[in-house]
Amino acid sequence: MLGFDFKKSAKKIIRKFSENYTVSFPVYTCGYGREEVEELFVSNSEIIALSESVFNIYKKKCSVIDIGGQDTKFIKINVSGNVDKFKMNRKCAAGTGSFIEEIAFRLDISPLEFNKLAEQSKKDIKINSYCTVFAISEIIGMIKKGIELSDIAKGIYNSIISRCTELAPLEDFLVITGGVPDNHPLIVKLFSKIFINSVCPKNSQFLAAYGCVLLNNS
């Protein structure tokens, strides 16, 4: 069977938490599989939940770039904590976690080794292709020319940052969230060189889940 089994995964997560904690229902959900839960649940918008948690932490207007496995989101939060603007890049995997996974597969390394490899880079190179398929062809050409894998890896990170900045002007205090910055901290460092006034909260990939709790317990 192809695809991701949300119901099975939800059961596994609830069962795991039940080992040490008492799970109270309904559970709060968000994201792509937020309604694919057999247990009693309350569905929440991931955008609203993420905004709620970010504003709860920083208490000021800001821009949010959320880099996930399947998409990249831009959210502009106003001084009241409400979402003023929102934009998502879903046309292509470039700029997402799945893009890194595909490139890592082609380079014959694990996604978790990608950051360590990129940190060894001593040269900046540019990945021009916007499409994952074309980017792979471009990278193969670079390898044939003898370009170091570490430089290619950092070039992928810079490519992801470029995709993020193309979503919308990042004019305010910038909060970087999602599974990608959590697992690839060099992206956060590279972001901070461009946007000095930027931060990445610890365990940022769980901020939307935290926001669900805030929304339903206010």
N, C-alpha and C. Protein backbone atom coordinates (compact mmCIF):
# COMPACT_ATOMS: atom_id res chain seq x y z
N MET A 1 0.84 -1.20 0.00
CA MET A 1 0.00 0.00 0.00
C MET A 1 0.87 1.25 0.00
N LEU A 2 0.63 2.16 -0.92
CA LEU A 2 1.40 3.38 -1.01
C LEU A 2 0.77 4.45 -0.13
N GLY A 3 1.62 5.40 0.27
CA GLY A 3 1.09 6.52 1.05
C GLY A 3 1.35 6.36 2.54
N PHE A 4 0.98 7.40 3.29
CA PHE A 4 1.21 7.44 4.73
C PHE A 4 -0.08 7.13 5.46
N ASP A 5 -0.04 6.22 6.41
CA ASP A 5 -1.22 5.80 7.16
C ASP A 5 -1.36 6.67 8.40
N PHE A 6 -2.16 7.75 8.29
CA PHE A 6 -2.33 8.68 9.41
C PHE A 6 -3.01 8.02 10.60
N LYS A 7 -4.03 7.22 10.35
CA LYS A 7 -4.77 6.57 11.45
C LYS A 7 -3.85 5.66 12.26
N LYS A 8 -3.05 4.87 11.56
CA LYS A 8 -2.13 3.96 12.24
C LYS A 8 -1.09 4.74 13.04
N SER A 9 -0.59 5.81 12.46
CA SER A 9 0.43 6.61 13.15
C SER A 9 -0.15 7.30 14.38
N ALA A 10 -1.39 7.80 14.27
CA ALA A 10 -2.04 8.45 15.41
C ALA A 10 -2.22 7.46 16.56
N LYS A 11 -2.64 6.26 16.24
CA LYS A 11 -2.82 5.23 17.26
C LYS A 11 -1.49 4.92 17.95
N LYS A 12 -0.44 4.83 17.16
CA LYS A 12 0.89 4.53 17.70
C LYS A 12 1.36 5.63 18.64
N ILE A 13 1.13 6.89 18.26
CA ILE A 13 1.55 8.02 19.10
C ILE A 13 0.77 8.05 20.40
N ILE A 14 -0.55 7.87 20.32
CA ILE A 14 -1.39 7.88 21.52
C ILE A 14 -1.02 6.72 22.44
N ARG A 15 -0.77 5.56 21.85
CA ARG A 15 -0.38 4.40 22.65
C ARG A 15 0.96 4.65 23.35
N LYS A 16 1.88 5.28 22.66
CA LYS A 16 3.20 5.57 23.23
C LYS A 16 3.07 6.53 24.42
N PHE A 17 2.28 7.59 24.26
CA PHE A 17 2.09 8.54 25.35
C PHE A 17 1.36 7.91 26.52
N SER A 18 0.49 6.96 26.23
CA SER A 18 -0.31 6.32 27.28
C SER A 18 0.54 5.45 28.20
N GLU A 19 1.76 5.15 27.79
CA GLU A 19 2.63 4.33 28.63
C GLU A 19 3.02 5.05 29.92
N ASN A 20 3.18 6.38 29.82
CA ASN A 20 3.64 7.14 30.99
C ASN A 20 2.70 8.25 31.43
N TYR A 21 1.69 8.52 30.61
CA TYR A 21 0.77 9.61 30.91
C TYR A 21 -0.67 9.17 30.68
N THR A 22 -1.58 9.88 31.33
CA THR A 22 -3.00 9.66 31.07
C THR A 22 -3.41 10.58 29.93
N VAL A 23 -3.88 10.01 28.84
CA VAL A 23 -4.28 10.79 27.68
C VAL A 23 -5.75 11.15 27.80
N SER A 24 -6.03 12.45 27.78
CA SER A 24 -7.41 12.92 27.85
C SER A 24 -7.94 13.20 26.45
N PHE A 25 -9.15 12.80 26.20
CA PHE A 25 -9.77 13.03 24.90
C PHE A 25 -10.81 14.15 25.03
N PRO A 26 -11.01 14.94 23.97
CA PRO A 26 -10.45 14.76 22.63
C PRO A 26 -8.99 15.19 22.56
N VAL A 27 -8.27 14.63 21.59
CA VAL A 27 -6.92 15.09 21.31
C VAL A 27 -7.02 16.22 20.29
N TYR A 28 -6.04 17.10 20.29
CA TYR A 28 -6.04 18.24 19.37
C TYR A 28 -5.12 17.94 18.20
N THR A 29 -5.61 18.16 17.02
CA THR A 29 -4.84 17.81 15.82
C THR A 29 -4.69 19.00 14.89
N CYS A 30 -3.66 18.95 14.04
CA CYS A 30 -3.48 19.94 12.98
C CYS A 30 -2.62 19.30 11.89
N GLY A 31 -2.48 19.98 10.78
CA GLY A 31 -1.66 19.44 9.70
C GLY A 31 -2.47 18.63 8.71
N TYR A 32 -1.75 18.00 7.79
CA TYR A 32 -2.40 17.29 6.69
C TYR A 32 -3.31 16.15 7.16
N GLY A 33 -2.92 15.46 8.22
CA GLY A 33 -3.71 14.31 8.66
C GLY A 33 -4.60 14.61 9.85
N ARG A 34 -4.96 15.89 10.04
CA ARG A 34 -5.64 16.28 11.27
C ARG A 34 -7.03 15.67 11.44
N GLU A 35 -7.64 15.21 10.35
CA GLU A 35 -8.96 14.60 10.48
C GLU A 35 -8.93 13.10 10.22
N GLU A 36 -7.73 12.56 10.09
CA GLU A 36 -7.58 11.12 9.87
C GLU A 36 -7.27 10.40 11.18
N VAL A 37 -8.06 10.70 12.20
CA VAL A 37 -7.85 10.12 13.52
C VAL A 37 -9.12 9.43 13.96
N GLU A 38 -9.02 8.19 14.40
CA GLU A 38 -10.20 7.43 14.79
C GLU A 38 -10.69 7.81 16.19
N GLU A 39 -9.77 8.24 17.05
CA GLU A 39 -10.15 8.66 18.39
C GLU A 39 -10.85 10.02 18.33
N LEU A 40 -11.52 10.37 19.42
CA LEU A 40 -12.20 11.67 19.49
C LEU A 40 -11.16 12.78 19.39
N PHE A 41 -11.39 13.74 18.47
CA PHE A 41 -10.40 14.78 18.25
C PHE A 41 -11.06 16.12 17.95
N VAL A 42 -10.26 17.18 18.09
CA VAL A 42 -10.65 18.53 17.69
C VAL A 42 -9.64 19.00 16.65
N SER A 43 -10.10 19.27 15.44
CA SER A 43 -9.22 19.68 14.35
C SER A 43 -8.91 21.17 14.41
N ASN A 44 -7.65 21.53 14.16
CA ASN A 44 -7.22 22.92 14.19
C ASN A 44 -6.44 23.27 12.92
N SER A 45 -6.55 24.51 12.50
CA SER A 45 -5.73 24.99 11.38
C SER A 45 -4.27 25.06 11.82
N GLU A 46 -3.40 24.47 11.04
CA GLU A 46 -1.98 24.50 11.37
C GLU A 46 -1.43 25.93 11.36
N ILE A 47 -1.94 26.75 10.45
CA ILE A 47 -1.48 28.14 10.35
C ILE A 47 -1.84 28.91 11.61
N ILE A 48 -3.11 28.78 12.04
CA ILE A 48 -3.56 29.48 13.24
C ILE A 48 -2.83 28.96 14.48
N ALA A 49 -2.67 27.64 14.55
CA ALA A 49 -2.01 27.04 15.71
C ALA A 49 -0.55 27.48 15.81
N LEU A 50 0.14 27.48 14.68
CA LEU A 50 1.54 27.90 14.68
C LEU A 50 1.67 29.37 15.06
N SER A 51 0.79 30.20 14.53
CA SER A 51 0.81 31.63 14.85
C SER A 51 0.54 31.87 16.33
N GLU A 52 -0.40 31.09 16.88
CA GLU A 52 -0.74 31.22 18.29
C GLU A 52 0.47 30.94 19.18
N SER A 53 1.20 29.89 18.88
CA SER A 53 2.35 29.52 19.71
C SER A 53 3.50 30.51 19.54
N VAL A 54 3.76 30.96 18.31
CA VAL A 54 4.85 31.91 18.07
C VAL A 54 4.57 33.23 18.80
N PHE A 55 3.33 33.71 18.71
CA PHE A 55 2.99 34.98 19.37
C PHE A 55 3.01 34.80 20.89
N ASN A 56 2.64 33.63 21.37
CA ASN A 56 2.68 33.36 22.81
C ASN A 56 4.11 33.43 23.34
N ILE A 57 5.07 33.04 22.51
CA ILE A 57 6.47 33.05 22.93
C ILE A 57 7.08 34.45 22.84
N TYR A 58 6.84 35.16 21.72
CA TYR A 58 7.57 36.40 21.47
C TYR A 58 6.75 37.68 21.71
N LYS A 59 5.44 37.56 21.74
CA LYS A 59 4.57 38.69 22.11
C LYS A 59 4.79 39.93 21.23
N LYS A 60 5.03 39.76 19.95
CA LYS A 60 5.18 40.91 19.05
C LYS A 60 4.95 40.47 17.60
N LYS A 61 4.73 41.46 16.75
CA LYS A 61 4.50 41.14 15.34
C LYS A 61 5.77 40.55 14.74
N CYS A 62 5.60 39.66 13.80
CA CYS A 62 6.75 38.99 13.22
C CYS A 62 6.38 38.29 11.92
N SER A 63 7.40 37.87 11.22
CA SER A 63 7.22 36.99 10.06
C SER A 63 7.66 35.60 10.46
N VAL A 64 6.97 34.60 9.96
CA VAL A 64 7.31 33.21 10.25
C VAL A 64 7.59 32.49 8.93
N ILE A 65 8.70 31.79 8.88
CA ILE A 65 8.98 30.87 7.78
C ILE A 65 9.00 29.47 8.38
N ASP A 66 8.07 28.64 7.95
CA ASP A 66 7.97 27.28 8.44
C ASP A 66 8.38 26.32 7.31
N ILE A 67 9.47 25.62 7.50
CA ILE A 67 10.01 24.72 6.47
C ILE A 67 9.74 23.29 6.90
N GLY A 68 8.76 22.66 6.26
CA GLY A 68 8.38 21.30 6.60
C GLY A 68 8.83 20.28 5.59
N GLY A 69 8.33 19.07 5.75
CA GLY A 69 8.71 17.99 4.86
C GLY A 69 8.08 18.10 3.49
N GLN A 70 6.87 18.67 3.41
CA GLN A 70 6.14 18.71 2.15
C GLN A 70 5.89 20.11 1.62
N ASP A 71 5.98 21.11 2.46
CA ASP A 71 5.73 22.48 1.99
C ASP A 71 6.50 23.49 2.83
N THR A 72 6.53 24.72 2.32
CA THR A 72 7.13 25.83 3.04
C THR A 72 6.07 26.92 3.17
N LYS A 73 5.92 27.46 4.38
CA LYS A 73 4.87 28.45 4.64
C LYS A 73 5.47 29.78 5.07
N PHE A 74 4.84 30.85 4.65
CA PHE A 74 5.14 32.19 5.15
C PHE A 74 3.90 32.69 5.87
N ILE A 75 4.08 33.20 7.09
CA ILE A 75 2.98 33.75 7.87
C ILE A 75 3.41 35.10 8.41
N LYS A 76 2.56 36.09 8.26
CA LYS A 76 2.82 37.42 8.85
C LYS A 76 1.85 37.62 10.00
N ILE A 77 2.38 37.78 11.20
CA ILE A 77 1.57 37.94 12.41
C ILE A 77 1.59 39.40 12.84
N ASN A 78 0.41 39.98 13.11
CA ASN A 78 0.36 41.39 13.49
C ASN A 78 0.53 41.58 14.99
N VAL A 79 0.43 42.82 15.44
CA VAL A 79 0.69 43.15 16.85
C VAL A 79 -0.34 42.54 17.79
N SER A 80 -1.49 42.12 17.25
CA SER A 80 -2.52 41.49 18.08
C SER A 80 -2.40 39.97 18.10
N GLY A 81 -1.45 39.44 17.36
CA GLY A 81 -1.25 38.00 17.32
C GLY A 81 -2.07 37.30 16.25
N ASN A 82 -2.74 38.08 15.40
CA ASN A 82 -3.55 37.50 14.33
C ASN A 82 -2.76 37.38 13.03
N VAL A 83 -3.20 36.48 12.16
CA VAL A 83 -2.53 36.28 10.88
C VAL A 83 -2.96 37.37 9.90
N ASP A 84 -2.01 38.17 9.44
CA ASP A 84 -2.29 39.21 8.45
C ASP A 84 -2.16 38.67 7.03
N LYS A 85 -1.12 37.88 6.80
CA LYS A 85 -0.88 37.32 5.47
C LYS A 85 -0.39 35.89 5.60
N PHE A 86 -0.62 35.14 4.55
CA PHE A 86 -0.18 33.75 4.54
C PHE A 86 0.07 33.30 3.12
N LYS A 87 1.15 32.56 2.92
CA LYS A 87 1.45 32.05 1.59
C LYS A 87 2.16 30.71 1.74
N MET A 88 1.87 29.80 0.84
CA MET A 88 2.47 28.47 0.89
C MET A 88 3.02 28.08 -0.48
N ASN A 89 4.18 27.45 -0.46
CA ASN A 89 4.76 26.92 -1.68
C ASN A 89 4.50 25.42 -1.74
N ARG A 90 3.58 25.01 -2.61
CA ARG A 90 3.27 23.58 -2.73
C ARG A 90 3.40 23.10 -4.17
N LYS A 91 3.86 23.96 -5.06
CA LYS A 91 3.95 23.59 -6.47
C LYS A 91 5.10 22.62 -6.72
N CYS A 92 6.11 22.69 -5.88
CA CYS A 92 7.29 21.86 -6.11
C CYS A 92 7.90 21.51 -4.76
N ALA A 93 8.59 20.38 -4.69
CA ALA A 93 9.22 19.95 -3.44
C ALA A 93 10.46 20.76 -3.11
N ALA A 94 11.00 21.49 -4.10
CA ALA A 94 12.20 22.30 -3.85
C ALA A 94 11.94 23.28 -2.71
N GLY A 95 12.86 23.30 -1.75
CA GLY A 95 12.68 24.17 -0.60
C GLY A 95 12.03 23.49 0.58
N THR A 96 11.88 22.18 0.52
CA THR A 96 11.25 21.43 1.61
C THR A 96 12.15 20.29 2.08
N GLY A 97 11.69 19.60 3.12
CA GLY A 97 12.45 18.47 3.64
C GLY A 97 12.58 17.33 2.65
N SER A 98 11.54 17.09 1.87
CA SER A 98 11.59 16.01 0.89
C SER A 98 12.64 16.29 -0.18
N PHE A 99 12.88 17.57 -0.46
CA PHE A 99 13.93 17.96 -1.40
C PHE A 99 15.29 17.53 -0.87
N ILE A 100 15.55 17.80 0.41
CA ILE A 100 16.81 17.40 1.03
C ILE A 100 16.95 15.89 1.02
N GLU A 101 15.87 15.18 1.34
CA GLU A 101 15.91 13.72 1.36
C GLU A 101 16.26 13.15 -0.02
N GLU A 102 15.68 13.73 -1.05
CA GLU A 102 15.94 13.26 -2.41
C GLU A 102 17.39 13.51 -2.80
N ILE A 103 17.89 14.69 -2.48
CA ILE A 103 19.29 15.02 -2.81
C ILE A 103 20.24 14.13 -2.00
N ALA A 104 19.93 13.93 -0.72
CA ALA A 104 20.77 13.07 0.12
C ALA A 104 20.82 11.65 -0.44
N PHE A 105 19.68 11.16 -0.91
CA PHE A 105 19.63 9.83 -1.52
C PHE A 105 20.55 9.76 -2.74
N ARG A 106 20.51 10.81 -3.56
CA ARG A 106 21.34 10.86 -4.76
C ARG A 106 22.83 10.95 -4.42
N LEU A 107 23.14 11.61 -3.30
CA LEU A 107 24.54 11.73 -2.87
C LEU A 107 25.00 10.55 -2.04
N ASP A 108 24.08 9.61 -1.81
CA ASP A 108 24.36 8.39 -1.05
C ASP A 108 24.77 8.69 0.40
N ILE A 109 24.05 9.63 1.01
CA ILE A 109 24.23 9.91 2.43
C ILE A 109 22.86 9.97 3.07
N SER A 110 22.82 9.87 4.40
CA SER A 110 21.54 9.96 5.09
C SER A 110 21.19 11.44 5.27
N PRO A 111 19.89 11.76 5.31
CA PRO A 111 19.50 13.16 5.54
C PRO A 111 20.10 13.74 6.81
N LEU A 112 20.29 12.90 7.83
CA LEU A 112 20.84 13.38 9.09
C LEU A 112 22.32 13.72 8.97
N GLU A 113 23.00 13.15 7.98
CA GLU A 113 24.42 13.46 7.75
C GLU A 113 24.60 14.71 6.89
N PHE A 114 23.52 15.18 6.31
CA PHE A 114 23.57 16.28 5.35
C PHE A 114 24.14 17.55 6.00
N ASN A 115 23.67 17.85 7.21
CA ASN A 115 24.12 19.07 7.89
C ASN A 115 25.61 19.01 8.19
N LYS A 116 26.08 17.87 8.67
CA LYS A 116 27.50 17.71 8.99
C LYS A 116 28.35 17.90 7.75
N LEU A 117 27.89 17.37 6.63
CA LEU A 117 28.62 17.51 5.37
C LEU A 117 28.66 18.97 4.93
N ALA A 118 27.52 19.66 5.01
CA ALA A 118 27.44 21.05 4.57
C ALA A 118 28.32 21.96 5.42
N GLU A 119 28.48 21.64 6.70
CA GLU A 119 29.30 22.46 7.58
C GLU A 119 30.78 22.42 7.20
N GLN A 120 31.17 21.43 6.40
CA GLN A 120 32.57 21.30 5.97
C GLN A 120 32.86 22.14 4.72
N SER A 121 31.83 22.77 4.18
CA SER A 121 31.98 23.53 2.94
C SER A 121 32.87 24.76 3.13
N LYS A 122 33.69 25.03 2.12
CA LYS A 122 34.57 26.19 2.14
C LYS A 122 34.29 27.13 0.98
N LYS A 123 33.26 26.81 0.20
CA LYS A 123 32.97 27.61 -0.98
C LYS A 123 31.46 27.71 -1.17
N ASP A 124 31.00 28.87 -1.63
CA ASP A 124 29.58 29.06 -1.92
C ASP A 124 29.32 28.78 -3.40
N ILE A 125 28.39 27.88 -3.67
CA ILE A 125 27.96 27.63 -5.04
C ILE A 125 26.46 27.84 -5.11
N LYS A 126 25.96 28.08 -6.29
CA LYS A 126 24.53 28.35 -6.46
C LYS A 126 23.86 27.22 -7.23
N ILE A 127 22.76 26.74 -6.67
CA ILE A 127 21.91 25.78 -7.37
C ILE A 127 20.83 26.59 -8.08
N ASN A 128 20.83 26.59 -9.39
CA ASN A 128 19.94 27.47 -10.15
C ASN A 128 18.55 26.89 -10.38
N SER A 129 18.43 25.58 -10.42
CA SER A 129 17.17 24.96 -10.80
C SER A 129 16.12 25.08 -9.72
N TYR A 130 14.89 25.37 -10.12
CA TYR A 130 13.76 25.48 -9.21
C TYR A 130 13.06 24.13 -9.02
N CYS A 131 13.27 23.22 -9.92
CA CYS A 131 12.60 21.92 -9.89
C CYS A 131 13.54 20.87 -9.31
N THR A 132 13.01 19.97 -8.48
CA THR A 132 13.83 18.93 -7.88
C THR A 132 14.51 18.07 -8.94
N VAL A 133 13.78 17.69 -9.97
CA VAL A 133 14.32 16.83 -11.03
C VAL A 133 15.48 17.54 -11.73
N PHE A 134 15.28 18.80 -12.08
CA PHE A 134 16.33 19.55 -12.76
C PHE A 134 17.50 19.83 -11.84
N ALA A 135 17.21 20.05 -10.56
CA ALA A 135 18.27 20.30 -9.58
C ALA A 135 19.18 19.09 -9.47
N ILE A 136 18.60 17.91 -9.50
CA ILE A 136 19.39 16.68 -9.44
C ILE A 136 20.31 16.58 -10.65
N SER A 137 19.78 16.89 -11.83
CA SER A 137 20.61 16.88 -13.04
C SER A 137 21.74 17.89 -12.93
N GLU A 138 21.43 19.06 -12.38
CA GLU A 138 22.45 20.10 -12.20
C GLU A 138 23.53 19.62 -11.25
N ILE A 139 23.13 18.95 -10.17
CA ILE A 139 24.08 18.46 -9.17
C ILE A 139 24.96 17.36 -9.75
N ILE A 140 24.38 16.48 -10.54
CA ILE A 140 25.16 15.42 -11.19
C ILE A 140 26.26 16.05 -12.07
N GLY A 141 25.89 17.12 -12.78
CA GLY A 141 26.87 17.84 -13.59
C GLY A 141 27.98 18.44 -12.75
N MET A 142 27.62 18.95 -11.56
CA MET A 142 28.62 19.53 -10.66
C MET A 142 29.59 18.47 -10.16
N ILE A 143 29.04 17.31 -9.83
CA ILE A 143 29.89 16.22 -9.34
C ILE A 143 30.88 15.81 -10.42
N LYS A 144 30.42 15.75 -11.66
CA LYS A 144 31.30 15.39 -12.78
C LYS A 144 32.42 16.42 -12.96
N LYS A 145 32.13 17.66 -12.58
CA LYS A 145 33.14 18.71 -12.70
C LYS A 145 34.08 18.74 -11.51
N GLY A 146 33.85 17.87 -10.53
CA GLY A 146 34.73 17.78 -9.38
C GLY A 146 34.39 18.70 -8.23
N ILE A 147 33.20 19.28 -8.24
CA ILE A 147 32.80 20.15 -7.13
C ILE A 147 32.57 19.31 -5.88
N GLU A 148 33.09 19.78 -4.77
CA GLU A 148 33.01 19.04 -3.51
C GLU A 148 31.57 18.83 -3.07
N LEU A 149 31.30 17.64 -2.51
CA LEU A 149 29.95 17.33 -2.04
C LEU A 149 29.52 18.28 -0.92
N SER A 150 30.48 18.69 -0.09
CA SER A 150 30.16 19.61 1.01
C SER A 150 29.66 20.95 0.46
N ASP A 151 30.28 21.41 -0.62
CA ASP A 151 29.84 22.67 -1.23
C ASP A 151 28.46 22.52 -1.87
N ILE A 152 28.20 21.36 -2.44
CA ILE A 152 26.88 21.09 -3.03
C ILE A 152 25.82 21.07 -1.93
N ALA A 153 26.15 20.43 -0.81
CA ALA A 153 25.20 20.35 0.31
C ALA A 153 24.84 21.74 0.82
N LYS A 154 25.85 22.59 1.01
CA LYS A 154 25.56 23.95 1.48
C LYS A 154 24.81 24.73 0.41
N GLY A 155 25.12 24.44 -0.86
CA GLY A 155 24.39 25.09 -1.95
C GLY A 155 22.91 24.74 -1.92
N ILE A 156 22.59 23.51 -1.52
CA ILE A 156 21.19 23.09 -1.38
C ILE A 156 20.52 23.91 -0.28
N TYR A 157 21.21 24.09 0.84
CA TYR A 157 20.65 24.90 1.94
C TYR A 157 20.38 26.33 1.47
N ASN A 158 21.35 26.91 0.77
CA ASN A 158 21.15 28.27 0.27
C ASN A 158 20.01 28.34 -0.74
N SER A 159 19.84 27.27 -1.51
CA SER A 159 18.73 27.20 -2.46
C SER A 159 17.40 27.21 -1.72
N ILE A 160 17.32 26.47 -0.62
CA ILE A 160 16.10 26.43 0.19
C ILE A 160 15.80 27.81 0.76
N ILE A 161 16.83 28.49 1.23
CA ILE A 161 16.64 29.85 1.77
C ILE A 161 16.12 30.78 0.68
N SER A 162 16.64 30.64 -0.52
CA SER A 162 16.17 31.48 -1.64
C SER A 162 14.70 31.23 -1.92
N ARG A 163 14.29 29.97 -1.89
CA ARG A 163 12.87 29.65 -2.12
C ARG A 163 12.00 30.28 -1.04
N CYS A 164 12.50 30.27 0.19
CA CYS A 164 11.74 30.85 1.30
C CYS A 164 11.59 32.36 1.14
N THR A 165 12.67 33.03 0.79
CA THR A 165 12.63 34.48 0.69
C THR A 165 11.82 34.96 -0.51
N GLU A 166 11.59 34.06 -1.47
CA GLU A 166 10.79 34.42 -2.63
C GLU A 166 9.29 34.39 -2.34
N LEU A 167 8.91 33.77 -1.22
CA LEU A 167 7.49 33.68 -0.88
C LEU A 167 6.89 35.06 -0.58
N ALA A 168 7.65 35.87 0.15
CA ALA A 168 7.15 37.20 0.55
C ALA A 168 8.29 38.00 1.16
N PRO A 169 8.16 39.33 1.20
CA PRO A 169 9.19 40.16 1.85
C PRO A 169 9.25 39.85 3.35
N LEU A 170 10.44 39.60 3.85
CA LEU A 170 10.62 39.30 5.27
C LEU A 170 11.13 40.57 5.95
N GLU A 171 10.20 41.43 6.34
CA GLU A 171 10.54 42.77 6.81
C GLU A 171 10.56 42.88 8.33
N ASP A 172 9.94 41.95 9.03
CA ASP A 172 9.83 42.03 10.48
C ASP A 172 10.80 41.07 11.16
N PHE A 173 10.71 41.04 12.46
CA PHE A 173 11.39 40.03 13.26
C PHE A 173 11.03 38.66 12.69
N LEU A 174 12.03 37.84 12.37
CA LEU A 174 11.81 36.58 11.67
C LEU A 174 11.94 35.38 12.60
N VAL A 175 10.91 34.54 12.61
CA VAL A 175 10.93 33.30 13.38
C VAL A 175 10.95 32.13 12.40
N ILE A 176 11.96 31.28 12.51
CA ILE A 176 12.13 30.14 11.61
C ILE A 176 11.69 28.88 12.34
N THR A 177 10.75 28.15 11.77
CA THR A 177 10.22 26.97 12.43
C THR A 177 10.16 25.79 11.47
N GLY A 178 9.83 24.61 12.03
CA GLY A 178 9.64 23.43 11.20
C GLY A 178 10.66 22.34 11.45
N GLY A 179 10.39 21.18 10.90
CA GLY A 179 11.28 20.04 11.07
C GLY A 179 12.62 20.23 10.40
N VAL A 180 12.65 20.95 9.26
CA VAL A 180 13.91 21.14 8.54
C VAL A 180 14.92 21.95 9.37
N PRO A 181 14.57 23.13 9.88
CA PRO A 181 15.56 23.85 10.71
C PRO A 181 15.93 23.11 12.00
N ASP A 182 15.00 22.31 12.53
CA ASP A 182 15.33 21.53 13.72
C ASP A 182 16.40 20.49 13.43
N ASN A 183 16.33 19.87 12.26
CA ASN A 183 17.25 18.79 11.91
C ASN A 183 18.44 19.25 11.07
N HIS A 184 18.37 20.48 10.59
CA HIS A 184 19.46 21.03 9.76
C HIS A 184 19.82 22.43 10.28
N PRO A 185 20.48 22.50 11.43
CA PRO A 185 20.73 23.80 12.07
C PRO A 185 21.58 24.76 11.25
N LEU A 186 22.35 24.25 10.28
CA LEU A 186 23.14 25.16 9.46
C LEU A 186 22.24 26.10 8.66
N ILE A 187 21.04 25.64 8.30
CA ILE A 187 20.09 26.51 7.60
C ILE A 187 19.77 27.74 8.44
N VAL A 188 19.61 27.54 9.74
CA VAL A 188 19.32 28.66 10.65
C VAL A 188 20.49 29.63 10.67
N LYS A 189 21.72 29.11 10.72
CA LYS A 189 22.91 29.96 10.73
C LYS A 189 23.01 30.77 9.43
N LEU A 190 22.72 30.12 8.31
CA LEU A 190 22.79 30.81 7.03
C LEU A 190 21.69 31.87 6.92
N PHE A 191 20.52 31.56 7.46
CA PHE A 191 19.43 32.54 7.50
C PHE A 191 19.85 33.77 8.29
N SER A 192 20.50 33.54 9.43
CA SER A 192 20.87 34.65 10.32
C SER A 192 21.91 35.58 9.71
N LYS A 193 22.65 35.08 8.72
CA LYS A 193 23.62 35.94 8.03
C LYS A 193 22.90 36.94 7.12
N ILE A 194 21.73 36.52 6.62
CA ILE A 194 20.94 37.40 5.75
C ILE A 194 19.99 38.25 6.56
N PHE A 195 19.33 37.61 7.56
CA PHE A 195 18.36 38.30 8.42
C PHE A 195 18.89 38.25 9.86
N ILE A 196 19.58 39.33 10.24
CA ILE A 196 20.22 39.36 11.56
C ILE A 196 19.19 39.22 12.67
N ASN A 197 18.02 39.81 12.46
CA ASN A 197 16.96 39.78 13.47
C ASN A 197 16.08 38.55 13.26
N SER A 198 16.69 37.38 13.44
CA SER A 198 15.94 36.13 13.25
C SER A 198 16.28 35.13 14.35
N VAL A 199 15.32 34.26 14.66
CA VAL A 199 15.51 33.25 15.70
C VAL A 199 14.86 31.95 15.26
N CYS A 200 15.29 30.86 15.88
CA CYS A 200 14.65 29.57 15.69
C CYS A 200 14.42 28.95 17.06
N PRO A 201 13.16 28.87 17.52
CA PRO A 201 12.88 28.31 18.85
C PRO A 201 13.30 26.85 18.94
N LYS A 202 13.65 26.43 20.11
CA LYS A 202 14.00 25.03 20.35
C LYS A 202 12.78 24.14 20.07
N ASN A 203 13.01 22.99 19.44
CA ASN A 203 11.94 22.04 19.08
C ASN A 203 10.84 22.73 18.26
N SER A 204 11.26 23.52 17.31
CA SER A 204 10.30 24.34 16.56
C SER A 204 9.31 23.53 15.74
N GLN A 205 9.65 22.28 15.43
CA GLN A 205 8.72 21.47 14.65
C GLN A 205 7.47 21.08 15.43
N PHE A 206 7.49 21.32 16.74
CA PHE A 206 6.33 20.98 17.57
C PHE A 206 5.51 22.21 17.96
N LEU A 207 5.84 23.38 17.41
CA LEU A 207 5.16 24.60 17.80
C LEU A 207 3.69 24.61 17.39
N ALA A 208 3.36 24.01 16.24
CA ALA A 208 1.95 23.95 15.84
C ALA A 208 1.16 23.10 16.82
N ALA A 209 1.75 22.01 17.29
CA ALA A 209 1.09 21.15 18.28
C ALA A 209 0.88 21.93 19.58
N TYR A 210 1.89 22.69 19.98
CA TYR A 210 1.77 23.53 21.17
C TYR A 210 0.67 24.56 20.98
N GLY A 211 0.58 25.12 19.79
CA GLY A 211 -0.46 26.09 19.49
C GLY A 211 -1.86 25.50 19.60
N CYS A 212 -2.00 24.22 19.24
CA CYS A 212 -3.31 23.55 19.38
C CYS A 212 -3.75 23.53 20.83
N VAL A 213 -2.80 23.26 21.72
CA VAL A 213 -3.11 23.24 23.15
C VAL A 213 -3.52 24.63 23.62
N LEU A 214 -2.80 25.65 23.18
CA LEU A 214 -3.13 27.02 23.57
C LEU A 214 -4.51 27.42 23.08
N LEU A 215 -4.83 27.07 21.84
CA LEU A 215 -6.13 27.44 21.25
C LEU A 215 -7.29 26.80 21.99
N ASN A 216 -7.08 25.59 22.48
CA ASN A 216 -8.18 24.85 23.09
C ASN A 216 -8.21 24.91 24.61
N ASN A 217 -7.29 25.67 25.17
CA ASN A 217 -7.27 25.81 26.62
C ASN A 217 -7.17 27.28 27.05
N SER A 218 -7.65 28.17 26.20
CA SER A 218 -7.59 29.59 26.53
C SER A 218 -8.88 30.04 27.19
